[in-house]
Amino acid sequence: MRELPVPLGQAALITSSNASAHRCAALLKSAGIGVCALEDFAGEVDDRLKVGTVHRAKGPDFQGVLVVEVTRDGPVPAEHAELLARQRLVAATRARDHLWWAEVRE
């Protein structure tokens, strides 16, 4: 995260669930990286990475976006797969210049 080609304050980490967002925020904080929950973000300029769910990311855009997708082994129900596809699209469109995708398996 410290080597992103964009300032942390211009970047966001987006997940599909609150649990994943909270887990990522805790890991980042423990590594000494400043974070701001997207639910608390009002558009002010600062040097903290914005972290939250795709639902909270609707609206603002960021110079760089890292999407963290937590996957489970096994089949995904069709309804859930469609929801994930829509969430992926929303998350990807929040990035102006840079987009990274990470998949974490539970």
PDB file of N, CA and C in Angstrom:
ATOM      1  N   MET A   1       0.815  -1.193   0.000  1.00  0.00           N
ATOM      2  CA  MET A   1       0.000   0.000   0.000  1.00  0.00           C
ATOM      3  C   MET A   1       0.862   1.261   0.000  1.00  0.00           C
ATOM      4  N   ARG A   2       2.003   1.164   0.647  1.00  0.00           N
ATOM      5  CA  ARG A   2       2.880   2.346   0.719  1.00  0.00           C
ATOM      6  C   ARG A   2       3.531   2.667  -0.628  1.00  0.00           C
ATOM      7  N   GLU A   3       3.484   1.739  -1.567  1.00  0.00           N
ATOM      8  CA  GLU A   3       4.123   1.936  -2.860  1.00  0.00           C
ATOM      9  C   GLU A   3       3.127   2.174  -3.988  1.00  0.00           C
ATOM     10  N   LEU A   4       1.890   2.511  -3.641  1.00  0.00           N
ATOM     11  CA  LEU A   4       0.905   2.820  -4.679  1.00  0.00           C
ATOM     12  C   LEU A   4       1.378   4.020  -5.492  1.00  0.00           C
ATOM     13  N   PRO A   5       1.057   4.055  -6.774  1.00  0.00           N
ATOM     14  CA  PRO A   5       1.457   5.192  -7.599  1.00  0.00           C
ATOM     15  C   PRO A   5       0.547   6.410  -7.426  1.00  0.00           C
ATOM     16  N   VAL A   6      -0.331   6.363  -6.435  1.00  0.00           N
ATOM     17  CA  VAL A   6      -1.221   7.484  -6.129  1.00  0.00           C
ATOM     18  C   VAL A   6      -1.137   7.756  -4.627  1.00  0.00           C
ATOM     19  N   PRO A   7      -1.398   8.984  -4.203  1.00  0.00           N
ATOM     20  CA  PRO A   7      -1.409   9.264  -2.763  1.00  0.00           C
ATOM     21  C   PRO A   7      -2.502   8.449  -2.066  1.00  0.00           C
ATOM     22  N   LEU A   8      -2.235   7.974  -0.851  1.00  0.00           N
ATOM     23  CA  LEU A   8      -3.228   7.189  -0.119  1.00  0.00           C
ATOM     24  C   LEU A   8      -4.546   7.938   0.030  1.00  0.00           C
ATOM     25  N   GLY A   9      -4.483   9.231   0.187  1.00  0.00           N
ATOM     26  CA  GLY A   9      -5.694  10.027   0.338  1.00  0.00           C
ATOM     27  C   GLY A   9      -6.543  10.081  -0.916  1.00  0.00           C
ATOM     28  N   GLN A  10      -5.986   9.661  -2.035  1.00  0.00           N
ATOM     29  CA  GLN A  10      -6.706   9.632  -3.308  1.00  0.00           C
ATOM     30  C   GLN A  10      -7.060   8.212  -3.729  1.00  0.00           C
ATOM     31  N   ALA A  11      -6.965   7.274  -2.765  1.00  0.00           N
ATOM     32  CA  ALA A  11      -7.184   5.866  -3.079  1.00  0.00           C
ATOM     33  C   ALA A  11      -8.235   5.274  -2.146  1.00  0.00           C
ATOM     34  N   ALA A  12      -8.841   4.173  -2.605  1.00  0.00           N
ATOM     35  CA  ALA A  12      -9.833   3.467  -1.801  1.00  0.00           C
ATOM     36  C   ALA A  12      -9.632   1.969  -1.925  1.00  0.00           C
ATOM     37  N   LEU A  13      -9.946   1.277  -0.837  1.00  0.00           N
ATOM     38  CA  LEU A  13      -9.993  -0.171  -0.820  1.00  0.00           C
ATOM     39  C   LEU A  13     -11.463  -0.527  -0.672  1.00  0.00           C
ATOM     40  N   ILE A  14     -11.994  -1.290  -1.628  1.00  0.00           N
ATOM     41  CA  ILE A  14     -13.418  -1.589  -1.665  1.00  0.00           C
ATOM     42  C   ILE A  14     -13.628  -3.097  -1.565  1.00  0.00           C
ATOM     43  N   THR A  15     -14.567  -3.486  -0.710  1.00  0.00           N
ATOM     44  CA  THR A  15     -14.928  -4.893  -0.541  1.00  0.00           C
ATOM     45  C   THR A  15     -16.439  -5.046  -0.752  1.00  0.00           C
ATOM     46  N   SER A  16     -16.900  -6.279  -0.762  1.00  0.00           N
ATOM     47  CA  SER A  16     -18.334  -6.498  -0.953  1.00  0.00           C
ATOM     48  C   SER A  16     -19.089  -6.628   0.358  1.00  0.00           C
ATOM     49  N   SER A  17     -18.382  -6.775   1.477  1.00  0.00           N
ATOM     50  CA  SER A  17     -19.082  -6.941   2.751  1.00  0.00           C
ATOM     51  C   SER A  17     -18.464  -6.078   3.842  1.00  0.00           C
ATOM     52  N   ASN A  18     -19.281  -5.750   4.830  1.00  0.00           N
ATOM     53  CA  ASN A  18     -18.789  -4.991   5.977  1.00  0.00           C
ATOM     54  C   ASN A  18     -17.715  -5.757   6.728  1.00  0.00           C
ATOM     55  N   ALA A  19     -17.903  -7.079   6.873  1.00  0.00           N
ATOM     56  CA  ALA A  19     -16.921  -7.880   7.598  1.00  0.00           C
ATOM     57  C   ALA A  19     -15.551  -7.809   6.920  1.00  0.00           C
ATOM     58  N   SER A  20     -15.529  -7.919   5.598  1.00  0.00           N
ATOM     59  CA  SER A  20     -14.259  -7.833   4.865  1.00  0.00           C
ATOM     60  C   SER A  20     -13.651  -6.443   4.976  1.00  0.00           C
ATOM     61  N   ALA A  21     -14.481  -5.414   4.897  1.00  0.00           N
ATOM     62  CA  ALA A  21     -13.983  -4.038   5.013  1.00  0.00           C
ATOM     63  C   ALA A  21     -13.368  -3.803   6.390  1.00  0.00           C
ATOM     64  N   HIS A  22     -14.043  -4.275   7.443  1.00  0.00           N
ATOM     65  CA  HIS A  22     -13.517  -4.102   8.799  1.00  0.00           C
ATOM     66  C   HIS A  22     -12.225  -4.884   8.994  1.00  0.00           C
ATOM     67  N   ARG A  23     -12.161  -6.089   8.437  1.00  0.00           N
ATOM     68  CA  ARG A  23     -10.949  -6.903   8.546  1.00  0.00           C
ATOM     69  C   ARG A  23      -9.777  -6.224   7.837  1.00  0.00           C
ATOM     70  N   CYS A  24     -10.028  -5.713   6.631  1.00  0.00           N
ATOM     71  CA  CYS A  24      -8.965  -5.025   5.883  1.00  0.00           C
ATOM     72  C   CYS A  24      -8.514  -3.765   6.620  1.00  0.00           C
ATOM     73  N   ALA A  25      -9.466  -3.004   7.146  1.00  0.00           N
ATOM     74  CA  ALA A  25      -9.116  -1.777   7.868  1.00  0.00           C
ATOM     75  C   ALA A  25      -8.262  -2.095   9.091  1.00  0.00           C
ATOM     76  N   ALA A  26      -8.614  -3.142   9.815  1.00  0.00           N
ATOM     77  CA  ALA A  26      -7.838  -3.524  10.994  1.00  0.00           C
ATOM     78  C   ALA A  26      -6.420  -3.929  10.619  1.00  0.00           C
ATOM     79  N   LEU A  27      -6.280  -4.698   9.542  1.00  0.00           N
ATOM     80  CA  LEU A  27      -4.943  -5.104   9.089  1.00  0.00           C
ATOM     81  C   LEU A  27      -4.106  -3.890   8.673  1.00  0.00           C
ATOM     82  N   LEU A  28      -4.737  -2.969   7.957  1.00  0.00           N
ATOM     83  CA  LEU A  28      -4.021  -1.773   7.517  1.00  0.00           C
ATOM     84  C   LEU A  28      -3.598  -0.918   8.705  1.00  0.00           C
ATOM     85  N   LYS A  29      -4.491  -0.735   9.660  1.00  0.00           N
ATOM     86  CA  LYS A  29      -4.167   0.045  10.861  1.00  0.00           C
ATOM     87  C   LYS A  29      -3.014  -0.592  11.619  1.00  0.00           C
ATOM     88  N   SER A  30      -3.026  -1.927  11.741  1.00  0.00           N
ATOM     89  CA  SER A  30      -1.952  -2.607  12.469  1.00  0.00           C
ATOM     90  C   SER A  30      -0.609  -2.456  11.760  1.00  0.00           C
ATOM     91  N   ALA A  31      -0.654  -2.184  10.442  1.00  0.00           N
ATOM     92  CA  ALA A  31       0.574  -1.957   9.675  1.00  0.00           C
ATOM     93  C   ALA A  31       0.970  -0.480   9.672  1.00  0.00           C
ATOM     94  N   GLY A  32       0.217   0.346  10.394  1.00  0.00           N
ATOM     95  CA  GLY A  32       0.552   1.762  10.488  1.00  0.00           C
ATOM     96  C   GLY A  32       0.043   2.611   9.338  1.00  0.00           C
ATOM     97  N   ILE A  33      -0.926   2.097   8.603  1.00  0.00           N
ATOM     98  CA  ILE A  33      -1.489   2.842   7.476  1.00  0.00           C
ATOM     99  C   ILE A  33      -2.791   3.491   7.928  1.00  0.00           C
ATOM    100  N   GLY A  34      -2.878   4.789   7.738  1.00  0.00           N
ATOM    101  CA  GLY A  34      -4.070   5.517   8.133  1.00  0.00           C
ATOM    102  C   GLY A  34      -5.242   5.195   7.222  1.00  0.00           C
ATOM    103  N   VAL A  35      -6.398   4.938   7.826  1.00  0.00           N
ATOM    104  CA  VAL A  35      -7.595   4.618   7.053  1.00  0.00           C
ATOM    105  C   VAL A  35      -8.755   5.496   7.499  1.00  0.00           C
ATOM    106  N   CYS A  36      -9.668   5.690   6.583  1.00  0.00           N
ATOM    107  CA  CYS A  36     -10.910   6.401   6.841  1.00  0.00           C
ATOM    108  C   CYS A  36     -12.034   5.539   6.291  1.00  0.00           C
ATOM    109  N   ALA A  37     -12.996   5.208   7.139  1.00  0.00           N
ATOM    110  CA  ALA A  37     -14.131   4.413   6.680  1.00  0.00           C
ATOM    111  C   ALA A  37     -14.914   5.208   5.649  1.00  0.00           C
ATOM    112  N   LEU A  38     -15.301   4.572   4.567  1.00  0.00           N
ATOM    113  CA  LEU A  38     -16.080   5.255   3.534  1.00  0.00           C
ATOM    114  C   LEU A  38     -17.372   5.835   4.098  1.00  0.00           C
ATOM    115  N   GLU A  39     -17.931   5.180   5.109  1.00  0.00           N
ATOM    116  CA  GLU A  39     -19.161   5.689   5.704  1.00  0.00           C
ATOM    117  C   GLU A  39     -18.936   7.015   6.427  1.00  0.00           C
ATOM    118  N   ASP A  40     -17.684   7.312   6.790  1.00  0.00           N
ATOM    119  CA  ASP A  40     -17.347   8.580   7.445  1.00  0.00           C
ATOM    120  C   ASP A  40     -16.755   9.598   6.483  1.00  0.00           C
ATOM    121  N   PHE A  41     -16.558   9.206   5.235  1.00  0.00           N
ATOM    122  CA  PHE A  41     -15.903  10.067   4.239  1.00  0.00           C
ATOM    123  C   PHE A  41     -16.903  11.067   3.674  1.00  0.00           C
ATOM    124  N   ALA A  42     -16.563  12.349   3.813  1.00  0.00           N
ATOM    125  CA  ALA A  42     -17.450  13.416   3.323  1.00  0.00           C
ATOM    126  C   ALA A  42     -16.806  14.181   2.173  1.00  0.00           C
ATOM    127  N   GLY A  43     -15.752  13.616   1.589  1.00  0.00           N
ATOM    128  CA  GLY A  43     -15.108  14.260   0.453  1.00  0.00           C
ATOM    129  C   GLY A  43     -13.927  15.138   0.816  1.00  0.00           C
ATOM    130  N   GLU A  44     -13.616  15.245   2.103  1.00  0.00           N
ATOM    131  CA  GLU A  44     -12.499  16.081   2.527  1.00  0.00           C
ATOM    132  C   GLU A  44     -11.165  15.455   2.112  1.00  0.00           C
ATOM    133  N   VAL A  45     -10.219  16.304   1.824  1.00  0.00           N
ATOM    134  CA  VAL A  45      -8.894  15.849   1.404  1.00  0.00           C
ATOM    135  C   VAL A  45      -8.071  15.528   2.649  1.00  0.00           C
ATOM    136  N   ASP A  46      -7.507  14.346   2.679  1.00  0.00           N
ATOM    137  CA  ASP A  46      -6.586  13.966   3.740  1.00  0.00           C
ATOM    138  C   ASP A  46      -5.621  12.925   3.186  1.00  0.00           C
ATOM    139  N   ASP A  47      -4.802  12.346   4.053  1.00  0.00           N
ATOM    140  CA  ASP A  47      -3.796  11.390   3.579  1.00  0.00           C
ATOM    141  C   ASP A  47      -4.128   9.949   3.980  1.00  0.00           C
ATOM    142  N   ARG A  48      -5.396   9.681   4.268  1.00  0.00           N
ATOM    143  CA  ARG A  48      -5.798   8.340   4.695  1.00  0.00           C
ATOM    144  C   ARG A  48      -6.453   7.573   3.547  1.00  0.00           C
ATOM    145  N   LEU A  49      -6.191   6.276   3.511  1.00  0.00           N
ATOM    146  CA  LEU A  49      -6.812   5.379   2.549  1.00  0.00           C
ATOM    147  C   LEU A  49      -8.274   5.212   2.935  1.00  0.00           C
ATOM    148  N   LYS A  50      -9.166   5.335   1.977  1.00  0.00           N
ATOM    149  CA  LYS A  50     -10.587   5.145   2.235  1.00  0.00           C
ATOM    150  C   LYS A  50     -10.890   3.653   2.126  1.00  0.00           C
ATOM    151  N   VAL A  51     -11.646   3.108   3.099  1.00  0.00           N
ATOM    152  CA  VAL A  51     -11.940   1.682   3.142  1.00  0.00           C
ATOM    153  C   VAL A  51     -13.428   1.487   3.388  1.00  0.00           C
ATOM    154  N   GLY A  52     -14.049   0.641   2.571  1.00  0.00           N
ATOM    155  CA  GLY A  52     -15.456   0.360   2.788  1.00  0.00           C
ATOM    156  C   GLY A  52     -16.033  -0.566   1.741  1.00  0.00           C
ATOM    157  N   THR A  53     -17.344  -0.704   1.811  1.00  0.00           N
ATOM    158  CA  THR A  53     -18.041  -1.614   0.900  1.00  0.00           C
ATOM    159  C   THR A  53     -18.375  -0.918  -0.411  1.00  0.00           C
ATOM    160  N   VAL A  54     -18.705  -1.740  -1.378  1.00  0.00           N
ATOM    161  CA  VAL A  54     -19.099  -1.224  -2.690  1.00  0.00           C
ATOM    162  C   VAL A  54     -20.335  -0.334  -2.557  1.00  0.00           C
ATOM    163  N   HIS A  55     -21.207  -0.639  -1.616  1.00  0.00           N
ATOM    164  CA  HIS A  55     -22.409   0.187  -1.419  1.00  0.00           C
ATOM    165  C   HIS A  55     -22.040   1.591  -0.959  1.00  0.00           C
ATOM    166  N   ARG A  56     -21.053   1.693  -0.086  1.00  0.00           N
ATOM    167  CA  ARG A  56     -20.590   3.006   0.396  1.00  0.00           C
ATOM    168  C   ARG A  56     -19.764   3.738  -0.655  1.00  0.00           C
ATOM    169  N   ALA A  57     -19.217   3.003  -1.608  1.00  0.00           N
ATOM    170  CA  ALA A  57     -18.356   3.607  -2.629  1.00  0.00           C
ATOM    171  C   ALA A  57     -19.143   4.190  -3.788  1.00  0.00           C
ATOM    172  N   LYS A  58     -20.442   3.947  -3.830  1.00  0.00           N
ATOM    173  CA  LYS A  58     -21.244   4.512  -4.923  1.00  0.00           C
ATOM    174  C   LYS A  58     -21.219   6.024  -4.828  1.00  0.00           C
ATOM    175  N   GLY A  59     -20.892   6.670  -5.937  1.00  0.00           N
ATOM    176  CA  GLY A  59     -20.858   8.130  -5.960  1.00  0.00           C
ATOM    177  C   GLY A  59     -19.461   8.675  -6.136  1.00  0.00           C
ATOM    178  N   PRO A  60     -18.632   8.637  -5.076  1.00  0.00           N
ATOM    179  CA  PRO A  60     -17.298   9.230  -5.230  1.00  0.00           C
ATOM    180  C   PRO A  60     -16.414   8.381  -6.139  1.00  0.00           C
ATOM    181  N   ASP A  61     -15.440   9.032  -6.749  1.00  0.00           N
ATOM    182  CA  ASP A  61     -14.438   8.273  -7.480  1.00  0.00           C
ATOM    183  C   ASP A  61     -13.083   8.592  -6.877  1.00  0.00           C
ATOM    184  N   PHE A  62     -12.118   7.759  -7.179  1.00  0.00           N
ATOM    185  CA  PHE A  62     -10.798   7.858  -6.579  1.00  0.00           C
ATOM    186  C   PHE A  62      -9.748   7.676  -7.664  1.00  0.00           C
ATOM    187  N   GLN A  63      -8.590   8.268  -7.455  1.00  0.00           N
ATOM    188  CA  GLN A  63      -7.514   8.136  -8.434  1.00  0.00           C
ATOM    189  C   GLN A  63      -7.103   6.673  -8.560  1.00  0.00           C
ATOM    190  N   GLY A  64      -7.099   5.950  -7.457  1.00  0.00           N
ATOM    191  CA  GLY A  64      -6.766   4.535  -7.475  1.00  0.00           C
ATOM    192  C   GLY A  64      -7.727   3.746  -6.611  1.00  0.00           C
ATOM    193  N   VAL A  65      -8.073   2.553  -7.045  1.00  0.00           N
ATOM    194  CA  VAL A  65      -8.974   1.687  -6.292  1.00  0.00           C
ATOM    195  C   VAL A  65      -8.381   0.282  -6.239  1.00  0.00           C
ATOM    196  N   LEU A  66      -8.382  -0.285  -5.036  1.00  0.00           N
ATOM    197  CA  LEU A  66      -8.014  -1.674  -4.837  1.00  0.00           C
ATOM    198  C   LEU A  66      -9.275  -2.401  -4.405  1.00  0.00           C
ATOM    199  N   VAL A  67      -9.701  -3.364  -5.194  1.00  0.00           N
ATOM    200  CA  VAL A  67     -10.873  -4.166  -4.860  1.00  0.00           C
ATOM    201  C   VAL A  67     -10.376  -5.463  -4.237  1.00  0.00           C
ATOM    202  N   VAL A  68     -10.842  -5.749  -3.028  1.00  0.00           N
ATOM    203  CA  VAL A  68     -10.484  -6.987  -2.351  1.00  0.00           C
ATOM    204  C   VAL A  68     -11.725  -7.862  -2.322  1.00  0.00           C
ATOM    205  N   GLU A  69     -11.613  -8.990  -2.998  1.00  0.00           N
ATOM    206  CA  GLU A  69     -12.733  -9.919  -3.117  1.00  0.00           C
ATOM    207  C   GLU A  69     -12.418 -11.173  -2.313  1.00  0.00           C
ATOM    208  N   VAL A  70     -13.259 -11.452  -1.320  1.00  0.00           N
ATOM    209  CA  VAL A  70     -13.088 -12.654  -0.501  1.00  0.00           C
ATOM    210  C   VAL A  70     -13.952 -13.747  -1.099  1.00  0.00           C
ATOM    211  N   THR A  71     -13.333 -14.857  -1.463  1.00  0.00           N
ATOM    212  CA  THR A  71     -14.076 -15.958  -2.096  1.00  0.00           C
ATOM    213  C   THR A  71     -14.024 -17.199  -1.223  1.00  0.00           C
ATOM    214  N   ARG A  72     -15.026 -18.007  -1.390  1.00  0.00           N
ATOM    215  CA  ARG A  72     -15.112 -19.284  -0.677  1.00  0.00           C
ATOM    216  C   ARG A  72     -15.099 -20.403  -1.713  1.00  0.00           C
ATOM    217  N   ASP A  73     -14.573 -21.533  -1.307  1.00  0.00           N
ATOM    218  CA  ASP A  73     -14.591 -22.689  -2.194  1.00  0.00           C
ATOM    219  C   ASP A  73     -16.018 -23.207  -2.326  1.00  0.00           C
ATOM    220  N   GLY A  74     -16.323 -23.761  -3.467  1.00  0.00           N
ATOM    221  CA  GLY A  74     -17.632 -24.347  -3.682  1.00  0.00           C
ATOM    222  C   GLY A  74     -18.463 -23.533  -4.648  1.00  0.00           C
ATOM    223  N   PRO A  75     -19.623 -24.064  -5.001  1.00  0.00           N
ATOM    224  CA  PRO A  75     -20.479 -23.387  -5.976  1.00  0.00           C
ATOM    225  C   PRO A  75     -21.091 -22.110  -5.410  1.00  0.00           C
ATOM    226  N   VAL A  76     -21.299 -21.156  -6.301  1.00  0.00           N
ATOM    227  CA  VAL A  76     -21.932 -19.890  -5.943  1.00  0.00           C
ATOM    228  C   VAL A  76     -23.339 -19.897  -6.538  1.00  0.00           C
ATOM    229  N   PRO A  77     -24.363 -19.671  -5.701  1.00  0.00           N
ATOM    230  CA  PRO A  77     -25.724 -19.625  -6.252  1.00  0.00           C
ATOM    231  C   PRO A  77     -25.838 -18.557  -7.340  1.00  0.00           C
ATOM    232  N   ALA A  78     -26.679 -18.796  -8.338  1.00  0.00           N
ATOM    233  CA  ALA A  78     -26.810 -17.890  -9.477  1.00  0.00           C
ATOM    234  C   ALA A  78     -27.152 -16.466  -9.045  1.00  0.00           C
ATOM    235  N   GLU A  79     -28.057 -16.317  -8.062  1.00  0.00           N
ATOM    236  CA  GLU A  79     -28.443 -14.974  -7.617  1.00  0.00           C
ATOM    237  C   GLU A  79     -27.256 -14.228  -7.010  1.00  0.00           C
ATOM    238  N   HIS A  80     -26.447 -14.964  -6.258  1.00  0.00           N
ATOM    239  CA  HIS A  80     -25.276 -14.357  -5.636  1.00  0.00           C
ATOM    240  C   HIS A  80     -24.233 -13.996  -6.697  1.00  0.00           C
ATOM    241  N   ALA A  81     -24.073 -14.834  -7.695  1.00  0.00           N
ATOM    242  CA  ALA A  81     -23.117 -14.559  -8.769  1.00  0.00           C
ATOM    243  C   ALA A  81     -23.508 -13.295  -9.528  1.00  0.00           C
ATOM    244  N   GLU A  82     -24.799 -13.110  -9.759  1.00  0.00           N
ATOM    245  CA  GLU A  82     -25.264 -11.898 -10.447  1.00  0.00           C
ATOM    246  C   GLU A  82     -25.014 -10.652  -9.599  1.00  0.00           C
ATOM    247  N   LEU A  83     -25.268 -10.742  -8.306  1.00  0.00           N
ATOM    248  CA  LEU A  83     -25.010  -9.619  -7.402  1.00  0.00           C
ATOM    249  C   LEU A  83     -23.529  -9.276  -7.393  1.00  0.00           C
ATOM    250  N   LEU A  84     -22.672 -10.291  -7.298  1.00  0.00           N
ATOM    251  CA  LEU A  84     -21.228 -10.056  -7.310  1.00  0.00           C
ATOM    252  C   LEU A  84     -20.781  -9.394  -8.609  1.00  0.00           C
ATOM    253  N   ALA A  85     -21.347  -9.800  -9.729  1.00  0.00           N
ATOM    254  CA  ALA A  85     -20.985  -9.202 -11.015  1.00  0.00           C
ATOM    255  C   ALA A  85     -21.350  -7.715 -11.027  1.00  0.00           C
ATOM    256  N   ARG A  86     -22.513  -7.364 -10.510  1.00  0.00           N
ATOM    257  CA  ARG A  86     -22.911  -5.956 -10.450  1.00  0.00           C
ATOM    258  C   ARG A  86     -22.000  -5.173  -9.503  1.00  0.00           C
ATOM    259  N   GLN A  87     -21.667  -5.777  -8.363  1.00  0.00           N
ATOM    260  CA  GLN A  87     -20.786  -5.113  -7.404  1.00  0.00           C
ATOM    261  C   GLN A  87     -19.393  -4.895  -7.997  1.00  0.00           C
ATOM    262  N   ARG A  88     -18.909  -5.871  -8.751  1.00  0.00           N
ATOM    263  CA  ARG A  88     -17.602  -5.721  -9.400  1.00  0.00           C
ATOM    264  C   ARG A  88     -17.600  -4.534 -10.355  1.00  0.00           C
ATOM    265  N   LEU A  89     -18.674  -4.391 -11.105  1.00  0.00           N
ATOM    266  CA  LEU A  89     -18.776  -3.284 -12.046  1.00  0.00           C
ATOM    267  C   LEU A  89     -18.776  -1.945 -11.317  1.00  0.00           C
ATOM    268  N   VAL A  90     -19.561  -1.831 -10.268  1.00  0.00           N
ATOM    269  CA  VAL A  90     -19.604  -0.583  -9.501  1.00  0.00           C
ATOM    270  C   VAL A  90     -18.234  -0.275  -8.917  1.00  0.00           C
ATOM    271  N   ALA A  91     -17.590  -1.266  -8.315  1.00  0.00           N
ATOM    272  CA  ALA A  91     -16.269  -1.050  -7.716  1.00  0.00           C
ATOM    273  C   ALA A  91     -15.253  -0.604  -8.762  1.00  0.00           C
ATOM    274  N   ALA A  92     -15.255  -1.245  -9.915  1.00  0.00           N
ATOM    275  CA  ALA A  92     -14.291  -0.906 -10.968  1.00  0.00           C
ATOM    276  C   ALA A  92     -14.500   0.506 -11.501  1.00  0.00           C
ATOM    277  N   THR A  93     -15.735   0.965 -11.534  1.00  0.00           N
ATOM    278  CA  THR A  93     -15.992   2.298 -12.086  1.00  0.00           C
ATOM    279  C   THR A  93     -15.674   3.413 -11.103  1.00  0.00           C
ATOM    280  N   ARG A  94     -15.262   3.095  -9.898  1.00  0.00           N
ATOM    281  CA  ARG A  94     -14.854   4.131  -8.928  1.00  0.00           C
ATOM    282  C   ARG A  94     -13.426   4.589  -9.191  1.00  0.00           C
ATOM    283  N   ALA A  95     -12.661   3.842  -9.988  1.00  0.00           N
ATOM    284  CA  ALA A  95     -11.250   4.165 -10.250  1.00  0.00           C
ATOM    285  C   ALA A  95     -11.127   5.094 -11.451  1.00  0.00           C
ATOM    286  N   ARG A  96     -10.409   6.214 -11.264  1.00  0.00           N
ATOM    287  CA  ARG A  96     -10.142   7.130 -12.378  1.00  0.00           C
ATOM    288  C   ARG A  96      -8.919   6.707 -13.181  1.00  0.00           C
ATOM    289  N   ASP A  97      -7.821   6.368 -12.493  1.00  0.00           N
ATOM    290  CA  ASP A  97      -6.558   6.105 -13.181  1.00  0.00           C
ATOM    291  C   ASP A  97      -6.007   4.690 -12.984  1.00  0.00           C
ATOM    292  N   HIS A  98      -6.169   4.143 -11.780  1.00  0.00           N
ATOM    293  CA  HIS A  98      -5.558   2.854 -11.465  1.00  0.00           C
ATOM    294  C   HIS A  98      -6.582   1.949 -10.793  1.00  0.00           C
ATOM    295  N   LEU A  99      -6.557   0.676 -11.189  1.00  0.00           N
ATOM    296  CA  LEU A  99      -7.445  -0.317 -10.597  1.00  0.00           C
ATOM    297  C   LEU A  99      -6.644  -1.585 -10.330  1.00  0.00           C
ATOM    298  N   TRP A 100      -6.707  -2.070  -9.093  1.00  0.00           N
ATOM    299  CA  TRP A 100      -6.062  -3.320  -8.721  1.00  0.00           C
ATOM    300  C   TRP A 100      -7.137  -4.251  -8.200  1.00  0.00           C
ATOM    301  N   TRP A 101      -6.945  -5.538  -8.425  1.00  0.00           N
ATOM    302  CA  TRP A 101      -7.914  -6.523  -7.975  1.00  0.00           C
ATOM    303  C   TRP A 101      -7.183  -7.584  -7.169  1.00  0.00           C
ATOM    304  N   ALA A 102      -7.682  -7.880  -5.978  1.00  0.00           N
ATOM    305  CA  ALA A 102      -7.090  -8.916  -5.128  1.00  0.00           C
ATOM    306  C   ALA A 102      -8.172  -9.930  -4.778  1.00  0.00           C
ATOM    307  N   GLU A 103      -7.825 -11.190  -4.849  1.00  0.00           N
ATOM    308  CA  GLU A 103      -8.741 -12.232  -4.436  1.00  0.00           C
ATOM    309  C   GLU A 103      -8.141 -12.946  -3.239  1.00  0.00           C
ATOM    310  N   VAL A 104      -8.899 -13.016  -2.176  1.00  0.00           N
ATOM    311  CA  VAL A 104      -8.485 -13.681  -0.951  1.00  0.00           C
ATOM    312  C   VAL A 104      -9.402 -14.864  -0.743  1.00  0.00           C
ATOM    313  N   ARG A 105      -8.812 -16.019  -0.573  1.00  0.00           N
ATOM    314  CA  ARG A 105      -9.617 -17.231  -0.331  1.00  0.00           C
ATOM    315  C   ARG A 105      -9.691 -17.496   1.163  1.00  0.00           C
ATOM    316  N   GLU A 106     -10.901 -17.771   1.621  1.00  0.00           N
ATOM    317  CA  GLU A 106     -11.064 -18.093   3.050  1.00  0.00           C
ATOM    318  C   GLU A 106     -10.621 -19.511   3.322  1.00  0.00           C
TER     319      GLU A 106
END
